[in-house]
Amino acid sequence: GKCSEILSATELRVQLVQKEQELARAKEALQAMKADRKRLKGEKTDLVSQMQQLYATLESREEQLRDFIRNYEQHRKESEDAVKALAKEKDLLEREKWELRRQAKEATDHAAALRSQLDLKDNRMKELEAELAMAKQSLATLTKDVPKRHSLAMPGETVLNGNQEWVVQADLPLTAAIRQSQQTLYHSHPPHPADRQAVRVSPCHSRQPSVISDASAAEGDRSSTPSDINSPRHRTHSLWRQSRPRSEEPSQPYCTVTRGS
């Protein structure tokens, strides 16, 4: 009976030692688990903090992105408005350019028309100067045809010619001088009754001097002597009558002077 009790006590001691060892191992495992739990809790805290920082960063980035998009939209709208304003200004400048070109063309055409009118006036002035020179030459020729006893007096003198009194003045117009020359010819050389005809005298014109008629020129030719036919004066007068164009005939109504016997 004692042997069995001793064996059971030994077994109990062995079992107790084993249980103590198992308990120690369980305590160590529990301590390790506690340490792991504590470590995991710290890691969790760090992870939560990192997540919060990440969320804050994302929110900040999102706000910056929104500001950028808003500024971009505003700048794009301003750029579109500026482009539209530039397009309108370009159209306005284009219209002004074409208007200036049109005005320049009109000014050029007007200048060309004025130049043409000026050339025509210059040509007309040259024609009038030529006609004036021819009229002066004709007047000089007619003056030479007057007899020496009826020579022209000094300015302010009075010349008695039959029943007519003739005053020569220094500033006598060309037309009046021609008419007085004709009257002198009529009184100095009475025409034959068969030669009575109307003498045409061109009307006074503001731009063209009067030119003696063909009848007066013919009277001057008849009054000259045969020896005067070959004279330079007679040739000059004949050339002037032949070279005078038909367009110089008076187109306006003329006055008629009837020569008496």
Foldseek 3Di string as FASTA:
>chain_A
DVVVVVVVVVVVVVVVVVVVVVVVVVVVVVVVVVVVVVVVVVVVVVVVVVVVVVVVVVVVVVVVVVVVVVVVVVVVVVVVVVVVVVVVVVVVVVVVVVVVVVVVVVVVVVVVVVVVVVVVVVVVVVVQVVVVVLQVLVLVLLLVLQDPVQHDDDQPDWDDQPPDIDHDHPPDDSLVSVVVSLVSLCSVDPDDPVLWDWFWWADDDPRHGIHGDPSSVVSSVVSDDPVCCPPPSNVSSVVSVVPDDPVPDHPDDTDTDTRDD
